Amino acid sequence: MTCIHYITTERKKKSKNIKIDIRRKLILCEISRMYFIWKLRQIQSGYGK
């Protein structure tokens, strides 16, 4: 599930406050992506020791 996938599925629904929805989803997606990358770095640095 990528950020782009979120947008395309939300567009199909055609909700009234779509821009707010998309922005919220993008922010959530971005946060989870950042967290995922951070987690990976933690794991990699753990294995490096």
PDB file of N, CA and C in Angstrom:
ATOM      1  N   MET A   1       0.844  -1.213   0.000  1.00  0.00           N
ATOM      2  CA  MET A   1       0.000   0.000   0.000  1.00  0.00           C
ATOM      3  C   MET A   1       0.871   1.252   0.000  1.00  0.00           C
ATOM      4  N   THR A   2       0.886   1.935  -1.106  1.00  0.00           N
ATOM      5  CA  THR A   2       1.693   3.146  -1.218  1.00  0.00           C
ATOM      6  C   THR A   2       0.838   4.389  -1.078  1.00  0.00           C
ATOM      7  N   CYS A   3       1.486   5.526  -0.970  1.00  0.00           N
ATOM      8  CA  CYS A   3       0.789   6.805  -0.853  1.00  0.00           C
ATOM      9  C   CYS A   3      -0.057   7.075  -2.089  1.00  0.00           C
ATOM     10  N   ILE A   4       0.470   6.725  -3.249  1.00  0.00           N
ATOM     11  CA  ILE A   4      -0.235   6.978  -4.505  1.00  0.00           C
ATOM     12  C   ILE A   4      -1.509   6.137  -4.565  1.00  0.00           C
ATOM     13  N   HIS A   5      -1.410   4.924  -4.070  1.00  0.00           N
ATOM     14  CA  HIS A   5      -2.570   4.037  -4.039  1.00  0.00           C
ATOM     15  C   HIS A   5      -3.707   4.647  -3.220  1.00  0.00           C
ATOM     16  N   TYR A   6      -3.350   5.242  -2.085  1.00  0.00           N
ATOM     17  CA  TYR A   6      -4.340   5.916  -1.244  1.00  0.00           C
ATOM     18  C   TYR A   6      -5.099   6.970  -2.035  1.00  0.00           C
ATOM     19  N   ILE A   7      -4.352   7.822  -2.747  1.00  0.00           N
ATOM     20  CA  ILE A   7      -4.954   8.938  -3.465  1.00  0.00           C
ATOM     21  C   ILE A   7      -5.906   8.429  -4.539  1.00  0.00           C
ATOM     22  N   THR A   8      -5.486   7.449  -5.307  1.00  0.00           N
ATOM     23  CA  THR A   8      -6.324   6.959  -6.400  1.00  0.00           C
ATOM     24  C   THR A   8      -7.610   6.328  -5.870  1.00  0.00           C
ATOM     25  N   THR A   9      -7.524   5.603  -4.760  1.00  0.00           N
ATOM     26  CA  THR A   9      -8.729   4.986  -4.206  1.00  0.00           C
ATOM     27  C   THR A   9      -9.659   6.054  -3.632  1.00  0.00           C
ATOM     28  N   GLU A  10      -9.092   7.077  -3.018  1.00  0.00           N
ATOM     29  CA  GLU A  10      -9.912   8.158  -2.455  1.00  0.00           C
ATOM     30  C   GLU A  10     -10.592   8.954  -3.557  1.00  0.00           C
ATOM     31  N   ARG A  11      -9.917   9.160  -4.664  1.00  0.00           N
ATOM     32  CA  ARG A  11     -10.501   9.910  -5.787  1.00  0.00           C
ATOM     33  C   ARG A  11     -11.731   9.203  -6.330  1.00  0.00           C
ATOM     34  N   LYS A  12     -11.667   7.877  -6.372  1.00  0.00           N
ATOM     35  CA  LYS A  12     -12.786   7.099  -6.898  1.00  0.00           C
ATOM     36  C   LYS A  12     -14.039   7.264  -6.041  1.00  0.00           C
ATOM     37  N   LYS A  13     -13.860   7.463  -4.749  1.00  0.00           N
ATOM     38  CA  LYS A  13     -14.991   7.625  -3.829  1.00  0.00           C
ATOM     39  C   LYS A  13     -15.714   8.954  -4.043  1.00  0.00           C
ATOM     40  N   LYS A  14     -14.972   9.966  -4.507  1.00  0.00           N
ATOM     41  CA  LYS A  14     -15.525  11.298  -4.781  1.00  0.00           C
ATOM     42  C   LYS A  14     -16.228  11.905  -3.560  1.00  0.00           C
ATOM     43  N   SER A  15     -15.545  11.958  -2.459  1.00  0.00           N
ATOM     44  CA  SER A  15     -16.130  12.596  -1.281  1.00  0.00           C
ATOM     45  C   SER A  15     -16.024  14.111  -1.397  1.00  0.00           C
ATOM     46  N   LYS A  16     -16.849  14.811  -0.627  1.00  0.00           N
ATOM     47  CA  LYS A  16     -16.894  16.276  -0.724  1.00  0.00           C
ATOM     48  C   LYS A  16     -15.611  16.915  -0.219  1.00  0.00           C
ATOM     49  N   ASN A  17     -15.140  16.451   0.919  1.00  0.00           N
ATOM     50  CA  ASN A  17     -13.905  17.022   1.474  1.00  0.00           C
ATOM     51  C   ASN A  17     -12.710  16.141   1.113  1.00  0.00           C
ATOM     52  N   ILE A  18     -12.580  15.893  -0.186  1.00  0.00           N
ATOM     53  CA  ILE A  18     -11.540  14.975  -0.693  1.00  0.00           C
ATOM     54  C   ILE A  18     -10.139  15.512  -0.453  1.00  0.00           C
ATOM     55  N   LYS A  19      -9.959  16.820  -0.617  1.00  0.00           N
ATOM     56  CA  LYS A  19      -8.617  17.388  -0.453  1.00  0.00           C
ATOM     57  C   LYS A  19      -8.105  17.213   0.965  1.00  0.00           C
ATOM     58  N   ILE A  20      -9.007  17.378   1.936  1.00  0.00           N
ATOM     59  CA  ILE A  20      -8.621  17.199   3.340  1.00  0.00           C
ATOM     60  C   ILE A  20      -8.264  15.728   3.576  1.00  0.00           C
ATOM     61  N   ASP A  21      -9.103  14.855   3.039  1.00  0.00           N
ATOM     62  CA  ASP A  21      -8.871  13.417   3.184  1.00  0.00           C
ATOM     63  C   ASP A  21      -7.521  13.011   2.626  1.00  0.00           C
ATOM     64  N   ILE A  22      -7.243  13.467   1.407  1.00  0.00           N
ATOM     65  CA  ILE A  22      -5.989  13.113   0.746  1.00  0.00           C
ATOM     66  C   ILE A  22      -4.804  13.640   1.542  1.00  0.00           C
ATOM     67  N   ARG A  23      -4.917  14.886   1.983  1.00  0.00           N
ATOM     68  CA  ARG A  23      -3.813  15.474   2.741  1.00  0.00           C
ATOM     69  C   ARG A  23      -3.578  14.691   4.025  1.00  0.00           C
ATOM     70  N   ARG A  24      -4.649  14.344   4.718  1.00  0.00           N
ATOM     71  CA  ARG A  24      -4.531  13.581   5.962  1.00  0.00           C
ATOM     72  C   ARG A  24      -3.876  12.240   5.702  1.00  0.00           C
ATOM     73  N   LYS A  25      -4.328  11.568   4.651  1.00  0.00           N
ATOM     74  CA  LYS A  25      -3.771  10.257   4.321  1.00  0.00           C
ATOM     75  C   LYS A  25      -2.300  10.354   3.931  1.00  0.00           C
ATOM     76  N   LEU A  26      -1.968  11.406   3.181  1.00  0.00           N
ATOM     77  CA  LEU A  26      -0.579  11.585   2.769  1.00  0.00           C
ATOM     78  C   LEU A  26       0.315  11.815   3.976  1.00  0.00           C
ATOM     79  N   ILE A  27      -0.155  12.628   4.916  1.00  0.00           N
ATOM     80  CA  ILE A  27       0.626  12.898   6.128  1.00  0.00           C
ATOM     81  C   ILE A  27       0.812  11.604   6.911  1.00  0.00           C
ATOM     82  N   LEU A  28      -0.262  10.855   7.091  1.00  0.00           N
ATOM     83  CA  LEU A  28      -0.184   9.574   7.805  1.00  0.00           C
ATOM     84  C   LEU A  28       0.763   8.621   7.098  1.00  0.00           C
ATOM     85  N   CYS A  29       0.656   8.580   5.791  1.00  0.00           N
ATOM     86  CA  CYS A  29       1.506   7.704   4.989  1.00  0.00           C
ATOM     87  C   CYS A  29       2.968   8.109   5.143  1.00  0.00           C
ATOM     88  N   GLU A  30       3.215   9.406   5.077  1.00  0.00           N
ATOM     89  CA  GLU A  30       4.576   9.926   5.205  1.00  0.00           C
ATOM     90  C   GLU A  30       5.156   9.580   6.568  1.00  0.00           C
ATOM     91  N   ILE A  31       4.357   9.760   7.620  1.00  0.00           N
ATOM     92  CA  ILE A  31       4.819   9.460   8.979  1.00  0.00           C
ATOM     93  C   ILE A  31       5.166   7.980   9.098  1.00  0.00           C
ATOM     94  N   SER A  32       4.285   7.121   8.610  1.00  0.00           N
ATOM     95  CA  SER A  32       4.543   5.684   8.712  1.00  0.00           C
ATOM     96  C   SER A  32       5.771   5.289   7.899  1.00  0.00           C
ATOM     97  N   ARG A  33       5.966   5.962   6.757  1.00  0.00           N
ATOM     98  CA  ARG A  33       7.137   5.666   5.923  1.00  0.00           C
ATOM     99  C   ARG A  33       8.418   6.072   6.646  1.00  0.00           C
ATOM    100  N   MET A  34       8.389   7.266   7.247  1.00  0.00           N
ATOM    101  CA  MET A  34       9.540   7.748   8.000  1.00  0.00           C
ATOM    102  C   MET A  34       9.849   6.795   9.152  1.00  0.00           C
ATOM    103  N   TYR A  35       8.803   6.357   9.847  1.00  0.00           N
ATOM    104  CA  TYR A  35       8.966   5.440  10.964  1.00  0.00           C
ATOM    105  C   TYR A  35       9.564   4.122  10.492  1.00  0.00           C
ATOM    106  N   PHE A  36       9.087   3.643   9.361  1.00  0.00           N
ATOM    107  CA  PHE A  36       9.573   2.383   8.792  1.00  0.00           C
ATOM    108  C   PHE A  36      11.055   2.482   8.476  1.00  0.00           C
ATOM    109  N   ILE A  37      11.454   3.588   7.834  1.00  0.00           N
ATOM    110  CA  ILE A  37      12.862   3.799   7.496  1.00  0.00           C
ATOM    111  C   ILE A  37      13.700   3.880   8.767  1.00  0.00           C
ATOM    112  N   TRP A  38      13.179   4.608   9.761  1.00  0.00           N
ATOM    113  CA  TRP A  38      13.885   4.736  11.037  1.00  0.00           C
ATOM    114  C   TRP A  38      14.068   3.374  11.683  1.00  0.00           C
ATOM    115  N   LYS A  39      13.016   2.551  11.665  1.00  0.00           N
ATOM    116  CA  LYS A  39      13.073   1.207  12.223  1.00  0.00           C
ATOM    117  C   LYS A  39      14.145   0.378  11.515  1.00  0.00           C
ATOM    118  N   LEU A  40      14.159   0.459  10.190  1.00  0.00           N
ATOM    119  CA  LEU A  40      15.150  -0.287   9.418  1.00  0.00           C
ATOM    120  C   LEU A  40      16.564   0.118   9.821  1.00  0.00           C
ATOM    121  N   ARG A  41      16.767   1.437   9.972  1.00  0.00           N
ATOM    122  CA  ARG A  41      18.090   1.935  10.362  1.00  0.00           C
ATOM    123  C   ARG A  41      18.486   1.403  11.733  1.00  0.00           C
ATOM    124  N   GLN A  42      17.506   1.354  12.656  1.00  0.00           N
ATOM    125  CA  GLN A  42      17.771   0.842  14.004  1.00  0.00           C
ATOM    126  C   GLN A  42      18.226  -0.611  13.928  1.00  0.00           C
ATOM    127  N   ILE A  43      17.513  -1.391  13.123  1.00  0.00           N
ATOM    128  CA  ILE A  43      17.827  -2.817  12.978  1.00  0.00           C
ATOM    129  C   ILE A  43      19.209  -2.984  12.360  1.00  0.00           C
ATOM    130  N   GLN A  44      19.472  -2.240  11.285  1.00  0.00           N
ATOM    131  CA  GLN A  44      20.753  -2.359  10.593  1.00  0.00           C
ATOM    132  C   GLN A  44      21.913  -1.960  11.494  1.00  0.00           C
ATOM    133  N   SER A  45      21.740  -0.870  12.250  1.00  0.00           N
ATOM    134  CA  SER A  45      22.816  -0.432  13.141  1.00  0.00           C
ATOM    135  C   SER A  45      23.013  -1.449  14.269  1.00  0.00           C
ATOM    136  N   GLY A  46      21.922  -2.114  14.664  1.00  0.00           N
ATOM    137  CA  GLY A  46      22.005  -3.158  15.687  1.00  0.00           C
ATOM    138  C   GLY A  46      22.809  -4.342  15.195  1.00  0.00           C
ATOM    139  N   TYR A  47      22.605  -4.727  13.940  1.00  0.00           N
ATOM    140  CA  TYR A  47      23.332  -5.857  13.381  1.00  0.00           C
ATOM    141  C   TYR A  47      24.794  -5.496  13.119  1.00  0.00           C
ATOM    142  N   GLY A  48      25.049  -4.229  12.845  1.00  0.00           N
ATOM    143  CA  GLY A  48      26.403  -3.782  12.528  1.00  0.00           C
ATOM    144  C   GLY A  48      27.356  -3.894  13.701  1.00  0.00           C
ATOM    145  N   LYS A  49      26.830  -3.895  14.938  1.00  0.00           N
ATOM    146  CA  LYS A  49      27.702  -3.919  16.130  1.00  0.00           C
ATOM    147  C   LYS A  49      28.264  -5.306  16.395  1.00  0.00           C
TER     148      LYS A  49
END
